[in-house]
C-alpha atoms as a PDB file:
ATOM      1  CA  UNK A   1       0.000   0.000   0.000  1.00  0.00           C
ATOM      2  CA  UNK A   2       1.365   3.445  -1.003  1.00  0.00           C
ATOM      3  CA  UNK A   3       1.832   5.793   1.964  1.00  0.00           C
ATOM      4  CA  UNK A   4       2.555   9.379   0.822  1.00  0.00           C
ATOM      5  CA  UNK A   5       3.292  10.565   4.377  1.00  0.00           C
ATOM      6  CA  UNK A   6       5.904   7.830   4.853  1.00  0.00           C
ATOM      7  CA  UNK A   7       7.537   8.634   1.497  1.00  0.00           C
ATOM      8  CA  UNK A   8       7.606  12.356   2.337  1.00  0.00           C
ATOM      9  CA  UNK A   9       9.171  11.651   5.766  1.00  0.00           C
ATOM     10  CA  UNK A  10      11.829   9.443   4.155  1.00  0.00           C
ATOM     11  CA  UNK A  11      12.651  12.192   1.635  1.00  0.00           C
ATOM     12  CA  UNK A  12      13.040  14.740   4.427  1.00  0.00           C
ATOM     13  CA  UNK A  13      15.494  12.460   6.206  1.00  0.00           C
ATOM     14  CA  UNK A  14      17.523  12.146   2.996  1.00  0.00           C
ATOM     15  CA  UNK A  15      18.001  15.923   2.657  1.00  0.00           C
ATOM     16  CA  UNK A  16      21.250  17.404   4.011  1.00  0.00           C
ATOM     17  CA  UNK A  17      20.908  18.903   7.467  1.00  0.00           C
ATOM     18  CA  UNK A  18      21.631  22.605   7.726  1.00  0.00           C
ATOM     19  CA  UNK A  19      23.018  23.628  11.078  1.00  0.00           C
ATOM     20  CA  UNK A  20      21.760  26.697  12.917  1.00  0.00           C
ATOM     21  CA  UNK A  21      23.720  29.884  12.143  1.00  0.00           C
ATOM     22  CA  UNK A  22      26.847  30.456  14.243  1.00  0.00           C
ATOM     23  CA  UNK A  23      28.503  33.766  15.105  1.00  0.00           C
ATOM     24  CA  UNK A  24      32.222  33.921  14.368  1.00  0.00           C
ATOM     25  CA  UNK A  25      34.757  35.648  16.612  1.00  0.00           C
ATOM     26  CA  UNK A  26      37.378  37.768  14.817  1.00  0.00           C
ATOM     27  CA  UNK A  27      41.054  37.142  15.517  1.00  0.00           C
ATOM     28  CA  UNK A  28      42.176  39.207  18.493  1.00  0.00           C
ATOM     29  CA  UNK A  29      44.512  40.876  17.962  1.00  0.00           C
ATOM     30  CA  UNK A  30      44.113  41.177  14.202  1.00  0.00           C
ATOM     31  CA  UNK A  31      47.330  40.044  12.494  1.00  0.00           C
ATOM     32  CA  UNK A  32      49.319  42.791  10.801  1.00  0.00           C
ATOM     33  CA  UNK A  33      49.833  42.571   7.052  1.00  0.00           C
ATOM     34  CA  UNK A  34      53.609  42.435   7.523  1.00  0.00           C
ATOM     35  CA  UNK A  35      53.287  39.228   9.595  1.00  0.00           C
ATOM     36  CA  UNK A  36      51.131  37.359   7.062  1.00  0.00           C
ATOM     37  CA  UNK A  37      52.117  35.083   4.198  1.00  0.00           C
ATOM     38  CA  UNK A  38      49.642  34.036   1.494  1.00  0.00           C
ATOM     39  CA  UNK A  39      47.981  30.635   1.868  1.00  0.00           C
ATOM     40  CA  UNK A  40      47.593  28.330   4.858  1.00  0.00           C
ATOM     41  CA  UNK A  41      50.095  26.509   7.053  1.00  0.00           C
ATOM     42  CA  UNK A  42      49.906  22.713   6.941  1.00  0.00           C
ATOM     43  CA  UNK A  43      51.536  19.817   8.776  1.00  0.00           C
ATOM     44  CA  UNK A  44      51.324  16.247   7.485  1.00  0.00           C
ATOM     45  CA  UNK A  45      51.215  12.849   9.111  1.00  0.00           C
ATOM     46  CA  UNK A  46      51.231   9.566   7.224  1.00  0.00           C
ATOM     47  CA  UNK A  47      49.310   6.980   9.263  1.00  0.00           C
ATOM     48  CA  UNK A  48      49.440   3.349   8.190  1.00  0.00           C
ATOM     49  CA  UNK A  49      45.644   3.325   7.984  1.00  0.00           C
ATOM     50  CA  UNK A  50      43.222   6.234   8.103  1.00  0.00           C
ATOM     51  CA  UNK A  51      39.449   5.825   7.955  1.00  0.00           C
ATOM     52  CA  UNK A  52      38.291   8.442  10.485  1.00  0.00           C
ATOM     53  CA  UNK A  53      39.265  11.806  11.924  1.00  0.00           C
ATOM     54  CA  UNK A  54      40.393   9.962  15.068  1.00  0.00           C
ATOM     55  CA  UNK A  55      42.845   7.966  12.920  1.00  0.00           C
ATOM     56  CA  UNK A  56      43.999  11.219  11.310  1.00  0.00           C
ATOM     57  CA  UNK A  57      44.590  12.886  14.687  1.00  0.00           C
ATOM     58  CA  UNK A  58      46.633   9.873  15.834  1.00  0.00           C
ATOM     59  CA  UNK A  59      48.681  10.081  12.632  1.00  0.00           C
ATOM     60  CA  UNK A  60      49.325  13.772  13.213  1.00  0.00           C
ATOM     61  CA  UNK A  61      51.173  13.113  16.485  1.00  0.00           C
ATOM     62  CA  UNK A  62      54.324  12.733  14.357  1.00  0.00           C
ATOM     63  CA  UNK A  63      53.392  15.457  11.868  1.00  0.00           C
ATOM     64  CA  UNK A  64      55.938  17.538  10.028  1.00  0.00           C
ATOM     65  CA  UNK A  65      55.397  20.916   8.434  1.00  0.00           C
ATOM     66  CA  UNK A  66      54.775  20.794   4.713  1.00  0.00           C
ATOM     67  CA  UNK A  67      54.782  23.395   1.960  1.00  0.00           C
ATOM     68  CA  UNK A  68      51.930  25.875   2.561  1.00  0.00           C
ATOM     69  CA  UNK A  69      48.583  25.421   0.859  1.00  0.00           C
ATOM     70  CA  UNK A  70      47.687  28.085  -1.708  1.00  0.00           C
ATOM     71  CA  UNK A  71      44.199  28.196  -0.125  1.00  0.00           C
ATOM     72  CA  UNK A  72      41.319  25.720  -0.112  1.00  0.00           C
ATOM     73  CA  UNK A  73      40.939  25.231  -3.846  1.00  0.00           C
ATOM     74  CA  UNK A  74      42.203  21.688  -4.446  1.00  0.00           C
ATOM     75  CA  UNK A  75      39.777  20.162  -6.939  1.00  0.00           C
ATOM     76  CA  UNK A  76      39.312  16.393  -7.218  1.00  0.00           C
ATOM     77  CA  UNK A  77      42.605  15.140  -8.607  1.00  0.00           C
ATOM     78  CA  UNK A  78      43.552  11.947 -10.429  1.00  0.00           C
ATOM     79  CA  UNK A  79      44.312   8.751  -8.571  1.00  0.00           C
ATOM     80  CA  UNK A  80      48.049   8.676  -7.856  1.00  0.00           C
ATOM     81  CA  UNK A  81      48.439  12.485  -7.771  1.00  0.00           C
ATOM     82  CA  UNK A  82      49.863  13.907  -4.556  1.00  0.00           C
ATOM     83  CA  UNK A  83      47.337  14.964  -1.916  1.00  0.00           C
ATOM     84  CA  UNK A  84      47.428  18.751  -1.404  1.00  0.00           C
ATOM     85  CA  UNK A  85      51.132  19.697  -0.949  1.00  0.00           C
ATOM     86  CA  UNK A  86      52.074  16.426   0.782  1.00  0.00           C
ATOM     87  CA  UNK A  87      54.654  13.944  -0.443  1.00  0.00           C
ATOM     88  CA  UNK A  88      52.106  11.118  -0.797  1.00  0.00           C
ATOM     89  CA  UNK A  89      48.877  10.391  -2.644  1.00  0.00           C
ATOM     90  CA  UNK A  90      47.309   8.038  -0.094  1.00  0.00           C
ATOM     91  CA  UNK A  91      46.966   7.658   3.681  1.00  0.00           C
ATOM     92  CA  UNK A  92      47.588  11.336   4.362  1.00  0.00           C
ATOM     93  CA  UNK A  93      46.485  13.328   7.414  1.00  0.00           C
ATOM     94  CA  UNK A  94      46.769  17.125   7.417  1.00  0.00           C
ATOM     95  CA  UNK A  95      46.488  19.753  10.138  1.00  0.00           C
ATOM     96  CA  UNK A  96      45.729  23.113   8.526  1.00  0.00           C
ATOM     97  CA  UNK A  97      45.851  26.537  10.186  1.00  0.00           C
ATOM     98  CA  UNK A  98      45.815  30.207   9.344  1.00  0.00           C
ATOM     99  CA  UNK A  99      43.263  32.925   8.736  1.00  0.00           C
ATOM    100  CA  UNK A 100      40.408  33.726   6.380  1.00  0.00           C
ATOM    101  CA  UNK A 101      39.507  37.342   5.578  1.00  0.00           C
ATOM    102  CA  UNK A 102      35.943  38.602   5.329  1.00  0.00           C
ATOM    103  CA  UNK A 103      35.845  42.017   3.643  1.00  0.00           C
ATOM    104  CA  UNK A 104      32.449  42.954   5.067  1.00  0.00           C
ATOM    105  CA  UNK A 105      30.273  42.025   8.028  1.00  0.00           C
ATOM    106  CA  UNK A 106      27.133  40.052   7.330  1.00  0.00           C
ATOM    107  CA  UNK A 107      25.689  36.569   7.086  1.00  0.00           C
ATOM    108  CA  UNK A 108      27.516  34.138   4.822  1.00  0.00           C
ATOM    109  CA  UNK A 109      26.959  30.546   3.807  1.00  0.00           C
ATOM    110  CA  UNK A 110      30.033  28.311   3.710  1.00  0.00           C
ATOM    111  CA  UNK A 111      30.379  24.824   2.276  1.00  0.00           C
ATOM    112  CA  UNK A 112      33.483  22.636   2.443  1.00  0.00           C
ATOM    113  CA  UNK A 113      34.051  19.815  -0.045  1.00  0.00           C
ATOM    114  CA  UNK A 114      36.424  17.001   0.817  1.00  0.00           C
ATOM    115  CA  UNK A 115      37.636  13.564  -0.180  1.00  0.00           C
ATOM    116  CA  UNK A 116      37.878  12.056   2.434  1.00  0.00           C
ATOM    117  CA  UNK A 117      37.251  13.410   5.961  1.00  0.00           C
ATOM    118  CA  UNK A 118      37.218  16.988   7.229  1.00  0.00           C
ATOM    119  CA  UNK A 119      36.626  18.859  10.475  1.00  0.00           C
ATOM    120  CA  UNK A 120      37.010  22.626  10.120  1.00  0.00           C
ATOM    121  CA  UNK A 121      36.366  25.707  12.222  1.00  0.00           C
ATOM    122  CA  UNK A 122      36.454  29.439  11.611  1.00  0.00           C
ATOM    123  CA  UNK A 123      36.488  32.045  14.357  1.00  0.00           C
ATOM    124  CA  UNK A 124      36.050  29.387  17.036  1.00  0.00           C
ATOM    125  CA  UNK A 125      32.959  27.781  15.454  1.00  0.00           C
ATOM    126  CA  UNK A 126      32.753  24.447  13.642  1.00  0.00           C
ATOM    127  CA  UNK A 127      31.746  24.988  10.028  1.00  0.00           C
ATOM    128  CA  UNK A 128      32.324  21.501   8.558  1.00  0.00           C
ATOM    129  CA  UNK A 129      32.333  17.909   9.772  1.00  0.00           C
ATOM    130  CA  UNK A 130      32.403  14.871   7.488  1.00  0.00           C
ATOM    131  CA  UNK A 131      33.992  11.919   9.305  1.00  0.00           C
ATOM    132  CA  UNK A 132      34.043   9.072   6.826  1.00  0.00           C
ATOM    133  CA  UNK A 133      35.529   7.855   3.575  1.00  0.00           C
ATOM    134  CA  UNK A 134      33.725   9.299   0.549  1.00  0.00           C
ATOM    135  CA  UNK A 135      34.144  10.811  -2.899  1.00  0.00           C
ATOM    136  CA  UNK A 136      34.573  14.578  -3.309  1.00  0.00           C
ATOM    137  CA  UNK A 137      31.352  15.706  -1.623  1.00  0.00           C
ATOM    138  CA  UNK A 138      30.081  18.705   0.363  1.00  0.00           C
ATOM    139  CA  UNK A 139      29.984  18.600   4.150  1.00  0.00           C
ATOM    140  CA  UNK A 140      26.824  20.732   4.041  1.00  0.00           C
ATOM    141  CA  UNK A 141      26.117  24.446   4.055  1.00  0.00           C
ATOM    142  CA  UNK A 142      26.817  26.258   7.331  1.00  0.00           C
ATOM    143  CA  UNK A 143      25.476  29.766   7.803  1.00  0.00           C
ATOM    144  CA  UNK A 144      27.887  32.045   9.666  1.00  0.00           C
ATOM    145  CA  UNK A 145      27.428  35.517  11.077  1.00  0.00           C
ATOM    146  CA  UNK A 146      30.477  37.721  10.576  1.00  0.00           C
ATOM    147  CA  UNK A 147      30.209  40.618  13.055  1.00  0.00           C
ATOM    148  CA  UNK A 148      32.968  42.739  11.498  1.00  0.00           C
ATOM    149  CA  UNK A 149      35.305  42.785   8.524  1.00  0.00           C
ATOM    150  CA  UNK A 150      38.764  41.342   9.127  1.00  0.00           C
ATOM    151  CA  UNK A 151      40.727  38.165   9.735  1.00  0.00           C
ATOM    152  CA  UNK A 152      39.258  35.080  11.441  1.00  0.00           C
ATOM    153  CA  UNK A 153      41.261  32.067  12.599  1.00  0.00           C
ATOM    154  CA  UNK A 154      40.801  28.925  10.526  1.00  0.00           C
ATOM    155  CA  UNK A 155      41.707  25.419  11.710  1.00  0.00           C
ATOM    156  CA  UNK A 156      41.084  22.059  10.064  1.00  0.00           C
ATOM    157  CA  UNK A 157      41.932  18.372  10.278  1.00  0.00           C
ATOM    158  CA  UNK A 158      41.703  16.567   6.938  1.00  0.00           C
ATOM    159  CA  UNK A 159      42.453  13.050   5.777  1.00  0.00           C
ATOM    160  CA  UNK A 160      42.730  11.235   2.475  1.00  0.00           C
ATOM    161  CA  UNK A 161      42.711   7.435   2.495  1.00  0.00           C
ATOM    162  CA  UNK A 162      43.033   6.251  -1.124  1.00  0.00           C
ATOM    163  CA  UNK A 163      41.902   7.062  -4.639  1.00  0.00           C
ATOM    164  CA  UNK A 164      41.422  10.697  -5.563  1.00  0.00           C
ATOM    165  CA  UNK A 165      41.631  13.690  -3.211  1.00  0.00           C
ATOM    166  CA  UNK A 166      39.948  17.102  -2.960  1.00  0.00           C
ATOM    167  CA  UNK A 167      39.630  19.935  -0.459  1.00  0.00           C
ATOM    168  CA  UNK A 168      37.665  23.051  -1.420  1.00  0.00           C
ATOM    169  CA  UNK A 169      35.667  25.807   0.249  1.00  0.00           C
ATOM    170  CA  UNK A 170      32.805  27.825  -1.243  1.00  0.00           C
ATOM    171  CA  UNK A 171      31.046  30.865   0.175  1.00  0.00           C
ATOM    172  CA  UNK A 172      28.259  33.149  -0.917  1.00  0.00           C
ATOM    173  CA  UNK A 173      29.496  36.598  -1.790  1.00  0.00           C
ATOM    174  CA  UNK A 174      27.141  38.631  -3.914  1.00  0.00           C
ATOM    175  CA  UNK A 175      24.244  36.226  -3.539  1.00  0.00           C
ATOM    176  CA  UNK A 176      25.611  33.028  -5.106  1.00  0.00           C
ATOM    177  CA  UNK A 177      27.982  30.294  -3.988  1.00  0.00           C
ATOM    178  CA  UNK A 178      31.492  30.512  -5.436  1.00  0.00           C
ATOM    179  CA  UNK A 179      34.961  29.270  -4.493  1.00  0.00           C
ATOM    180  CA  UNK A 180      36.691  31.242  -1.756  1.00  0.00           C
ATOM    181  CA  UNK A 181      39.613  32.905  -3.579  1.00  0.00           C
ATOM    182  CA  UNK A 182      43.094  31.883  -2.480  1.00  0.00           C
ATOM    183  CA  UNK A 183      43.779  35.573  -1.717  1.00  0.00           C
ATOM    184  CA  UNK A 184      41.333  35.372   1.238  1.00  0.00           C
ATOM    185  CA  UNK A 185      43.695  33.031   3.145  1.00  0.00           C
ATOM    186  CA  UNK A 186      46.880  33.841   5.042  1.00  0.00           C
ATOM    187  CA  UNK A 187      49.049  32.439   7.810  1.00  0.00           C
ATOM    188  CA  UNK A 188      51.814  33.611  10.118  1.00  0.00           C
ATOM    189  CA  UNK A 189      55.090  31.999   9.059  1.00  0.00           C
END
């Protein structure tokens, strides 16, 4: 027997969950332009097996600093290509840190795409969590309230198990989602 209410309920459960808006806290003090380098700082660990963020964090206990990321614009690559700026293509864990600049206060939507897992925060608030092995997919849109223009701390743990890799961030500036430009990221060297 066809049950429209049951079908509708199942469809609602299949839709991505959108978290309640979070208010970001600007970096305090704001970093000076002379202290900043373009991109994001990254340290890499190479665990023997990585299927979860917990595995990634364990692998990062012996992490070493890698070449900085240009930003968060690493599209899905080809199998065998290096993951981000690491020296490996598989079983890579990365700890990423730096700042993201918002040029104006307001409410933004942010979406992080990863292959595989990601946990990211901006201005002290979690904006992405996807703790499993998957293709290059979005973690889900997070609405953020930016109280003032300026720099906000960004931190992330990322892992890539095998196959292809991606790590990207989109935001809505001007009413539509678009990649966050690499120029919006910086770190203190």
